[in-house]
C-alpha atoms as a PDB file:
ATOM      1  CA  UNK A   1      13.355 -19.469  -3.202  1.00  0.00           C
ATOM      2  CA  UNK A   2      14.669 -18.013   0.058  1.00  0.00           C
ATOM      3  CA  UNK A   3      15.311 -20.347   2.966  1.00  0.00           C
ATOM      4  CA  UNK A   4      12.262 -20.670   5.172  1.00  0.00           C
ATOM      5  CA  UNK A   5      14.370 -21.307   8.304  1.00  0.00           C
ATOM      6  CA  UNK A   6      15.774 -17.784   8.281  1.00  0.00           C
ATOM      7  CA  UNK A   7      13.920 -15.240  10.414  1.00  0.00           C
ATOM      8  CA  UNK A   8      12.732 -12.542   8.055  1.00  0.00           C
ATOM      9  CA  UNK A   9      11.865  -8.978   8.942  1.00  0.00           C
ATOM     10  CA  UNK A  10       8.531  -7.567   7.763  1.00  0.00           C
ATOM     11  CA  UNK A  11       8.213  -3.785   7.546  1.00  0.00           C
ATOM     12  CA  UNK A  12       4.640  -2.455   7.655  1.00  0.00           C
ATOM     13  CA  UNK A  13       4.180   1.138   6.516  1.00  0.00           C
ATOM     14  CA  UNK A  14       1.080   2.828   7.958  1.00  0.00           C
ATOM     15  CA  UNK A  15       0.349   6.189   6.281  1.00  0.00           C
ATOM     16  CA  UNK A  16      -1.804   8.404   8.487  1.00  0.00           C
ATOM     17  CA  UNK A  17      -3.585  11.649   7.651  1.00  0.00           C
ATOM     18  CA  UNK A  18      -6.036  13.324  10.024  1.00  0.00           C
ATOM     19  CA  UNK A  19      -6.360  10.178  12.129  1.00  0.00           C
ATOM     20  CA  UNK A  20      -6.023  11.749  15.572  1.00  0.00           C
ATOM     21  CA  UNK A  21      -9.174  10.045  16.887  1.00  0.00           C
ATOM     22  CA  UNK A  22      -8.166   6.506  15.935  1.00  0.00           C
ATOM     23  CA  UNK A  23      -4.437   6.264  15.214  1.00  0.00           C
ATOM     24  CA  UNK A  24      -3.409   5.157  18.713  1.00  0.00           C
ATOM     25  CA  UNK A  25      -5.896   2.263  18.709  1.00  0.00           C
ATOM     26  CA  UNK A  26      -5.058   1.476  15.082  1.00  0.00           C
ATOM     27  CA  UNK A  27      -1.348   1.088  15.808  1.00  0.00           C
ATOM     28  CA  UNK A  28      -1.961  -0.904  18.998  1.00  0.00           C
ATOM     29  CA  UNK A  29      -4.268  -3.227  17.062  1.00  0.00           C
ATOM     30  CA  UNK A  30      -1.777  -3.724  14.229  1.00  0.00           C
ATOM     31  CA  UNK A  31       1.047  -4.312  16.719  1.00  0.00           C
ATOM     32  CA  UNK A  32      -0.842  -6.924  18.739  1.00  0.00           C
ATOM     33  CA  UNK A  33      -2.124  -8.643  15.587  1.00  0.00           C
ATOM     34  CA  UNK A  34       1.361  -8.983  14.116  1.00  0.00           C
ATOM     35  CA  UNK A  35       2.851 -10.054  17.445  1.00  0.00           C
ATOM     36  CA  UNK A  36       0.291 -12.830  17.836  1.00  0.00           C
ATOM     37  CA  UNK A  37       0.013 -13.867  14.204  1.00  0.00           C
ATOM     38  CA  UNK A  38       3.401 -13.854  12.512  1.00  0.00           C
ATOM     39  CA  UNK A  39       5.023 -16.703  14.452  1.00  0.00           C
ATOM     40  CA  UNK A  40       8.717 -17.468  14.871  1.00  0.00           C
ATOM     41  CA  UNK A  41       9.678 -17.226  11.186  1.00  0.00           C
ATOM     42  CA  UNK A  42       9.148 -13.460  11.058  1.00  0.00           C
ATOM     43  CA  UNK A  43       9.979 -10.380  13.074  1.00  0.00           C
ATOM     44  CA  UNK A  44       8.385  -7.040  12.244  1.00  0.00           C
ATOM     45  CA  UNK A  45       8.593  -3.277  12.447  1.00  0.00           C
ATOM     46  CA  UNK A  46       5.757  -0.789  12.031  1.00  0.00           C
ATOM     47  CA  UNK A  47       6.549   2.587  10.494  1.00  0.00           C
ATOM     48  CA  UNK A  48       3.736   5.091  10.950  1.00  0.00           C
ATOM     49  CA  UNK A  49       4.180   8.019   8.557  1.00  0.00           C
ATOM     50  CA  UNK A  50       2.158  11.070   9.568  1.00  0.00           C
ATOM     51  CA  UNK A  51       1.308  12.816   6.318  1.00  0.00           C
ATOM     52  CA  UNK A  52       1.426  16.400   7.555  1.00  0.00           C
ATOM     53  CA  UNK A  53       1.173  17.810  11.058  1.00  0.00           C
ATOM     54  CA  UNK A  54      -2.273  19.267  10.486  1.00  0.00           C
ATOM     55  CA  UNK A  55      -3.878  17.919  13.673  1.00  0.00           C
ATOM     56  CA  UNK A  56      -2.827  15.785  16.665  1.00  0.00           C
ATOM     57  CA  UNK A  57      -2.191  12.558  14.750  1.00  0.00           C
ATOM     58  CA  UNK A  58       1.555  12.729  15.468  1.00  0.00           C
ATOM     59  CA  UNK A  59       1.034  13.261  19.189  1.00  0.00           C
ATOM     60  CA  UNK A  60      -1.529  10.457  19.455  1.00  0.00           C
ATOM     61  CA  UNK A  61       0.608   8.000  17.470  1.00  0.00           C
ATOM     62  CA  UNK A  62       3.598   8.775  19.667  1.00  0.00           C
ATOM     63  CA  UNK A  63       1.656   7.667  22.753  1.00  0.00           C
ATOM     64  CA  UNK A  64       1.825   4.004  21.696  1.00  0.00           C
ATOM     65  CA  UNK A  65       4.312   2.127  23.845  1.00  0.00           C
ATOM     66  CA  UNK A  66       5.968  -0.457  21.621  1.00  0.00           C
ATOM     67  CA  UNK A  67       9.557  -1.024  20.576  1.00  0.00           C
ATOM     68  CA  UNK A  68       8.259  -2.238  17.217  1.00  0.00           C
ATOM     69  CA  UNK A  69       6.695   1.103  16.250  1.00  0.00           C
ATOM     70  CA  UNK A  70       8.418   4.140  14.768  1.00  0.00           C
ATOM     71  CA  UNK A  71       6.504   7.363  14.169  1.00  0.00           C
ATOM     72  CA  UNK A  72       7.869   9.509  11.339  1.00  0.00           C
ATOM     73  CA  UNK A  73       6.484  12.369   9.309  1.00  0.00           C
ATOM     74  CA  UNK A  74       6.789  15.920   8.048  1.00  0.00           C
ATOM     75  CA  UNK A  75       4.961  19.203   8.425  1.00  0.00           C
ATOM     76  CA  UNK A  76       3.145  19.598   5.080  1.00  0.00           C
ATOM     77  CA  UNK A  77       0.495  17.193   3.760  1.00  0.00           C
ATOM     78  CA  UNK A  78       1.837  15.586   0.572  1.00  0.00           C
ATOM     79  CA  UNK A  79      -0.469  12.635  -0.152  1.00  0.00           C
ATOM     80  CA  UNK A  80      -0.640   8.919   0.565  1.00  0.00           C
ATOM     81  CA  UNK A  81       1.747   7.981  -2.230  1.00  0.00           C
ATOM     82  CA  UNK A  82       4.446  10.252  -0.862  1.00  0.00           C
ATOM     83  CA  UNK A  83       3.866   8.952   2.684  1.00  0.00           C
ATOM     84  CA  UNK A  84       4.203   5.316   1.598  1.00  0.00           C
ATOM     85  CA  UNK A  85       7.409   6.078  -0.332  1.00  0.00           C
ATOM     86  CA  UNK A  86       8.768   7.994   2.660  1.00  0.00           C
ATOM     87  CA  UNK A  87       8.212   4.951   4.875  1.00  0.00           C
ATOM     88  CA  UNK A  88       9.517   2.433   2.338  1.00  0.00           C
ATOM     89  CA  UNK A  89      12.752   4.379   1.958  1.00  0.00           C
ATOM     90  CA  UNK A  90      13.354   3.928   5.683  1.00  0.00           C
ATOM     91  CA  UNK A  91      12.185   0.326   5.991  1.00  0.00           C
ATOM     92  CA  UNK A  92      14.664  -2.404   6.910  1.00  0.00           C
ATOM     93  CA  UNK A  93      12.522  -5.432   6.104  1.00  0.00           C
ATOM     94  CA  UNK A  94      13.122  -8.333   3.743  1.00  0.00           C
ATOM     95  CA  UNK A  95       9.422  -7.905   2.961  1.00  0.00           C
ATOM     96  CA  UNK A  96       7.776  -4.482   2.858  1.00  0.00           C
ATOM     97  CA  UNK A  97       4.051  -3.942   3.241  1.00  0.00           C
ATOM     98  CA  UNK A  98       1.727  -1.015   3.591  1.00  0.00           C
ATOM     99  CA  UNK A  99      -1.576  -0.937   5.416  1.00  0.00           C
ATOM    100  CA  UNK A 100      -4.015   1.955   5.557  1.00  0.00           C
ATOM    101  CA  UNK A 101      -4.773   3.480   8.935  1.00  0.00           C
ATOM    102  CA  UNK A 102      -8.410   3.707   9.936  1.00  0.00           C
ATOM    103  CA  UNK A 103      -9.332   0.084  10.769  1.00  0.00           C
ATOM    104  CA  UNK A 104     -11.418  -0.470   7.617  1.00  0.00           C
ATOM    105  CA  UNK A 105      -8.975  -3.226   6.649  1.00  0.00           C
ATOM    106  CA  UNK A 106      -8.554  -6.043   9.157  1.00  0.00           C
ATOM    107  CA  UNK A 107      -4.793  -6.188   9.931  1.00  0.00           C
ATOM    108  CA  UNK A 108      -5.054  -9.984  10.106  1.00  0.00           C
ATOM    109  CA  UNK A 109      -5.001  -9.673   6.339  1.00  0.00           C
ATOM    110  CA  UNK A 110      -1.250  -9.119   6.572  1.00  0.00           C
ATOM    111  CA  UNK A 111      -0.833 -12.752   7.644  1.00  0.00           C
ATOM    112  CA  UNK A 112      -3.032 -13.896   4.759  1.00  0.00           C
ATOM    113  CA  UNK A 113      -0.899 -11.930   2.304  1.00  0.00           C
ATOM    114  CA  UNK A 114       2.280 -13.285   3.868  1.00  0.00           C
ATOM    115  CA  UNK A 115       0.996 -16.839   3.457  1.00  0.00           C
ATOM    116  CA  UNK A 116       0.204 -16.181  -0.204  1.00  0.00           C
ATOM    117  CA  UNK A 117       3.654 -14.675  -0.661  1.00  0.00           C
ATOM    118  CA  UNK A 118       5.190 -17.948   0.513  1.00  0.00           C
ATOM    119  CA  UNK A 119       2.771 -20.234  -1.352  1.00  0.00           C
ATOM    120  CA  UNK A 120       3.352 -18.536  -4.712  1.00  0.00           C
ATOM    121  CA  UNK A 121       6.948 -17.407  -4.173  1.00  0.00           C
ATOM    122  CA  UNK A 122       5.498 -14.063  -5.270  1.00  0.00           C
ATOM    123  CA  UNK A 123       7.173 -10.753  -5.978  1.00  0.00           C
ATOM    124  CA  UNK A 124       4.056  -8.877  -4.850  1.00  0.00           C
ATOM    125  CA  UNK A 125       0.827  -9.904  -3.150  1.00  0.00           C
ATOM    126  CA  UNK A 126      -2.146  -7.553  -3.511  1.00  0.00           C
ATOM    127  CA  UNK A 127      -5.039  -7.575  -1.088  1.00  0.00           C
ATOM    128  CA  UNK A 128      -8.095  -7.701  -3.342  1.00  0.00           C
ATOM    129  CA  UNK A 129     -11.721  -6.814  -2.741  1.00  0.00           C
ATOM    130  CA  UNK A 130     -12.504  -8.836  -5.872  1.00  0.00           C
ATOM    131  CA  UNK A 131     -11.055 -12.097  -4.541  1.00  0.00           C
ATOM    132  CA  UNK A 132     -13.878 -14.663  -4.243  1.00  0.00           C
ATOM    133  CA  UNK A 133     -13.078 -15.288  -0.566  1.00  0.00           C
ATOM    134  CA  UNK A 134     -12.895 -11.597   0.430  1.00  0.00           C
ATOM    135  CA  UNK A 135     -15.449 -10.211   2.870  1.00  0.00           C
ATOM    136  CA  UNK A 136     -16.223  -6.635   1.874  1.00  0.00           C
ATOM    137  CA  UNK A 137     -18.948  -4.160   2.795  1.00  0.00           C
ATOM    138  CA  UNK A 138     -19.089  -1.131   0.516  1.00  0.00           C
ATOM    139  CA  UNK A 139     -21.744   0.680  -1.530  1.00  0.00           C
ATOM    140  CA  UNK A 140     -22.883  -0.090  -5.068  1.00  0.00           C
ATOM    141  CA  UNK A 141     -21.543   3.176  -6.497  1.00  0.00           C
ATOM    142  CA  UNK A 142     -18.082   2.340  -5.192  1.00  0.00           C
ATOM    143  CA  UNK A 143     -18.297  -1.120  -6.784  1.00  0.00           C
ATOM    144  CA  UNK A 144     -19.232   0.388 -10.153  1.00  0.00           C
ATOM    145  CA  UNK A 145     -16.400   2.925  -9.953  1.00  0.00           C
ATOM    146  CA  UNK A 146     -13.922   0.194  -9.024  1.00  0.00           C
ATOM    147  CA  UNK A 147     -15.021  -1.960 -11.957  1.00  0.00           C
ATOM    148  CA  UNK A 148     -14.650   0.922 -14.398  1.00  0.00           C
ATOM    149  CA  UNK A 149     -11.236   1.764 -13.040  1.00  0.00           C
ATOM    150  CA  UNK A 150     -10.099  -1.869 -13.324  1.00  0.00           C
ATOM    151  CA  UNK A 151     -11.116  -1.911 -17.004  1.00  0.00           C
ATOM    152  CA  UNK A 152      -9.082   1.256 -17.616  1.00  0.00           C
ATOM    153  CA  UNK A 153      -6.018  -0.045 -15.776  1.00  0.00           C
ATOM    154  CA  UNK A 154      -6.108  -3.398 -17.561  1.00  0.00           C
ATOM    155  CA  UNK A 155      -6.471  -1.735 -20.968  1.00  0.00           C
ATOM    156  CA  UNK A 156      -3.693   0.817 -20.455  1.00  0.00           C
ATOM    157  CA  UNK A 157      -1.166  -0.989 -18.286  1.00  0.00           C
ATOM    158  CA  UNK A 158      -2.008  -4.715 -18.455  1.00  0.00           C
ATOM    159  CA  UNK A 159      -1.777  -5.182 -14.700  1.00  0.00           C
ATOM    160  CA  UNK A 160      -3.037  -8.745 -14.040  1.00  0.00           C
ATOM    161  CA  UNK A 161      -5.085  -8.102 -10.899  1.00  0.00           C
ATOM    162  CA  UNK A 162      -8.715  -7.096 -10.532  1.00  0.00           C
ATOM    163  CA  UNK A 163      -8.210  -4.715  -7.620  1.00  0.00           C
ATOM    164  CA  UNK A 164      -5.211  -2.381  -7.535  1.00  0.00           C
ATOM    165  CA  UNK A 165      -6.557   0.064  -4.961  1.00  0.00           C
ATOM    166  CA  UNK A 166      -7.169  -1.732  -1.662  1.00  0.00           C
ATOM    167  CA  UNK A 167      -4.817  -0.369   0.959  1.00  0.00           C
ATOM    168  CA  UNK A 168      -2.855  -3.524   1.762  1.00  0.00           C
ATOM    169  CA  UNK A 169       0.008  -5.034  -0.238  1.00  0.00           C
ATOM    170  CA  UNK A 170       3.272  -6.913   0.387  1.00  0.00           C
ATOM    171  CA  UNK A 171       6.430  -6.517  -1.727  1.00  0.00           C
ATOM    172  CA  UNK A 172       9.750  -8.313  -1.762  1.00  0.00           C
ATOM    173  CA  UNK A 173      12.503  -5.901  -0.892  1.00  0.00           C
ATOM    174  CA  UNK A 174      14.207  -6.307  -4.271  1.00  0.00           C
ATOM    175  CA  UNK A 175      11.039  -4.999  -5.965  1.00  0.00           C
ATOM    176  CA  UNK A 176      10.897  -1.918  -3.738  1.00  0.00           C
ATOM    177  CA  UNK A 177      14.593  -1.190  -4.261  1.00  0.00           C
ATOM    178  CA  UNK A 178      14.095  -1.250  -8.034  1.00  0.00           C
ATOM    179  CA  UNK A 179      10.945   0.838  -8.321  1.00  0.00           C
ATOM    180  CA  UNK A 180      11.234   3.266  -5.389  1.00  0.00           C
ATOM    181  CA  UNK A 181      13.626   5.809  -6.995  1.00  0.00           C
ATOM    182  CA  UNK A 182      11.304   6.137  -9.997  1.00  0.00           C
ATOM    183  CA  UNK A 183       7.927   6.657  -8.297  1.00  0.00           C
ATOM    184  CA  UNK A 184       6.337  10.087  -8.674  1.00  0.00           C
ATOM    185  CA  UNK A 185       2.582   9.749  -7.963  1.00  0.00           C
ATOM    186  CA  UNK A 186       1.808  11.295  -4.594  1.00  0.00           C
ATOM    187  CA  UNK A 187      -1.903  10.578  -4.256  1.00  0.00           C
ATOM    188  CA  UNK A 188      -4.536   8.165  -5.505  1.00  0.00           C
ATOM    189  CA  UNK A 189      -2.842   6.211  -8.317  1.00  0.00           C
ATOM    190  CA  UNK A 190       0.310   5.346  -6.394  1.00  0.00           C
ATOM    191  CA  UNK A 191      -0.686   1.668  -6.211  1.00  0.00           C
ATOM    192  CA  UNK A 192      -1.066   1.470  -9.992  1.00  0.00           C
ATOM    193  CA  UNK A 193       2.295   3.125 -10.557  1.00  0.00           C
ATOM    194  CA  UNK A 194       3.992   0.618  -8.237  1.00  0.00           C
ATOM    195  CA  UNK A 195       2.422  -2.397  -9.918  1.00  0.00           C
ATOM    196  CA  UNK A 196       2.993  -1.086 -13.454  1.00  0.00           C
ATOM    197  CA  UNK A 197       6.673  -0.431 -12.770  1.00  0.00           C
ATOM    198  CA  UNK A 198       7.170  -3.790 -11.106  1.00  0.00           C
ATOM    199  CA  UNK A 199       5.860  -5.541 -14.237  1.00  0.00           C
ATOM    200  CA  UNK A 200       7.880  -3.206 -16.460  1.00  0.00           C
ATOM    201  CA  UNK A 201      11.058  -4.324 -14.710  1.00  0.00           C
ATOM    202  CA  UNK A 202      10.281  -8.011 -14.943  1.00  0.00           C
ATOM    203  CA  UNK A 203       8.620  -8.743 -11.600  1.00  0.00           C
ATOM    204  CA  UNK A 204       5.748 -10.760 -13.014  1.00  0.00           C
ATOM    205  CA  UNK A 205       4.804 -12.901 -10.018  1.00  0.00           C
ATOM    206  CA  UNK A 206       1.972 -10.659  -8.815  1.00  0.00           C
ATOM    207  CA  UNK A 207      -0.989 -12.384  -7.177  1.00  0.00           C
ATOM    208  CA  UNK A 208      -4.123 -11.464  -5.232  1.00  0.00           C
ATOM    209  CA  UNK A 209      -5.172 -12.527  -1.740  1.00  0.00           C
ATOM    210  CA  UNK A 210      -8.491 -12.138   0.100  1.00  0.00           C
ATOM    211  CA  UNK A 211      -9.123  -9.291   2.518  1.00  0.00           C
ATOM    212  CA  UNK A 212     -11.793  -8.257   4.986  1.00  0.00           C
ATOM    213  CA  UNK A 213     -12.888  -4.631   4.645  1.00  0.00           C
ATOM    214  CA  UNK A 214     -15.631  -2.659   6.352  1.00  0.00           C
ATOM    215  CA  UNK A 215     -15.713   0.866   5.004  1.00  0.00           C
ATOM    216  CA  UNK A 216     -16.552   3.817   7.190  1.00  0.00           C
ATOM    217  CA  UNK A 217     -19.125   5.661   5.187  1.00  0.00           C
ATOM    218  CA  UNK A 218     -18.197   9.119   6.470  1.00  0.00           C
ATOM    219  CA  UNK A 219     -14.685   8.563   5.066  1.00  0.00           C
ATOM    220  CA  UNK A 220     -16.073   7.138   1.824  1.00  0.00           C
ATOM    221  CA  UNK A 221     -17.927  10.388   1.250  1.00  0.00           C
ATOM    222  CA  UNK A 222     -14.713  12.375   1.470  1.00  0.00           C
ATOM    223  CA  UNK A 223     -12.629   9.910  -0.532  1.00  0.00           C
ATOM    224  CA  UNK A 224     -15.206   9.391  -3.271  1.00  0.00           C
ATOM    225  CA  UNK A 225     -15.791  12.997  -4.324  1.00  0.00           C
ATOM    226  CA  UNK A 226     -15.861  13.663  -8.031  1.00  0.00           C
ATOM    227  CA  UNK A 227     -12.621  15.616  -7.778  1.00  0.00           C
ATOM    228  CA  UNK A 228     -10.799  12.689  -6.147  1.00  0.00           C
ATOM    229  CA  UNK A 229     -12.089  10.220  -8.738  1.00  0.00           C
ATOM    230  CA  UNK A 230     -11.061  12.471 -11.614  1.00  0.00           C
ATOM    231  CA  UNK A 231      -7.633  12.975 -10.049  1.00  0.00           C
ATOM    232  CA  UNK A 232      -7.136   9.213  -9.794  1.00  0.00           C
ATOM    233  CA  UNK A 233      -8.049   8.709 -13.443  1.00  0.00           C
ATOM    234  CA  UNK A 234      -5.777  11.592 -14.484  1.00  0.00           C
ATOM    235  CA  UNK A 235      -2.854  10.219 -12.459  1.00  0.00           C
ATOM    236  CA  UNK A 236      -3.390   6.814 -14.077  1.00  0.00           C
ATOM    237  CA  UNK A 237      -3.283   8.323 -17.570  1.00  0.00           C
ATOM    238  CA  UNK A 238      -0.098  10.134 -16.540  1.00  0.00           C
ATOM    239  CA  UNK A 239       1.495   6.816 -15.475  1.00  0.00           C
ATOM    240  CA  UNK A 240       0.602   5.371 -18.898  1.00  0.00           C
ATOM    241  CA  UNK A 241       2.090   8.412 -20.655  1.00  0.00           C
ATOM    242  CA  UNK A 242       5.327   8.297 -18.677  1.00  0.00           C
ATOM    243  CA  UNK A 243       5.648   4.517 -19.092  1.00  0.00           C
ATOM    244  CA  UNK A 244       4.571   3.927 -22.706  1.00  0.00           C
ATOM    245  CA  UNK A 245       5.219   7.259 -24.435  1.00  0.00           C
ATOM    246  CA  UNK A 246       8.002   9.106 -22.617  1.00  0.00           C
ATOM    247  CA  UNK A 247       9.780   5.984 -21.312  1.00  0.00           C
ATOM    248  CA  UNK A 248      10.472   8.159 -18.297  1.00  0.00           C
ATOM    249  CA  UNK A 249      10.908   5.203 -15.949  1.00  0.00           C
ATOM    250  CA  UNK A 250      13.642   3.517 -17.990  1.00  0.00           C
ATOM    251  CA  UNK A 251      17.060   3.318 -16.374  1.00  0.00           C
ATOM    252  CA  UNK A 252      18.469   5.493 -19.168  1.00  0.00           C
ATOM    253  CA  UNK A 253      16.423   8.417 -17.768  1.00  0.00           C
ATOM    254  CA  UNK A 254      17.933   8.202 -14.293  1.00  0.00           C
ATOM    255  CA  UNK A 255      18.972  11.877 -14.282  1.00  0.00           C
ATOM    256  CA  UNK A 256      15.329  12.929 -14.803  1.00  0.00           C
ATOM    257  CA  UNK A 257      13.751  11.041 -11.914  1.00  0.00           C
ATOM    258  CA  UNK A 258      12.210  13.247  -9.262  1.00  0.00           C
END
């Protein structure tokens, strides 16, 4: 176990797509929450990755006045998975987290995940809507879809958590360094690919922590379209195929990684 006396740096990746109305307040809220909540054992950096300059998200994010925040991005929209990888590749932290923009997830959850990371000496802590202590408001259809997806993920990939998809997780740096070069999913199943690869490479200490989530129903409508759900299931099957059939992720296939 790492020495608790050492000040450790936490990197928080915040992927942002079409968040021009809220991103400035989101980043200010995350910054103040981490500043007040982490204590003397941890420092932090926030890396906001603007997933395509399709509106004024970049300009609004850049208005935040904090030495802890970096705003990065690129011109073309590529998907949340790509944005998270882009930020992780530039993170300097001993621990690396990602947190969805949009204020559905209370950023105080980062401290809860950090505490669980220390309690369990975990490789990865997953914020989970299914944790018995979580406080979550979301519709019945979403709950049914989540349950069905969990059954699929458990059957195909044997990932030992009940919720792979909530947008808050913390990884030890050594996990990120091992899996990052191999990740290919750019959209909805990026979380599953990360967790499946971590287990594949022997990082078995993966645990869940409670979260507080209040979904914005106008965003749920967009995110829960049939096309998006089908794409997530297809991406998950593709992860299974690459992992179990092609053995694409194995170190022997290094020359083939995208």
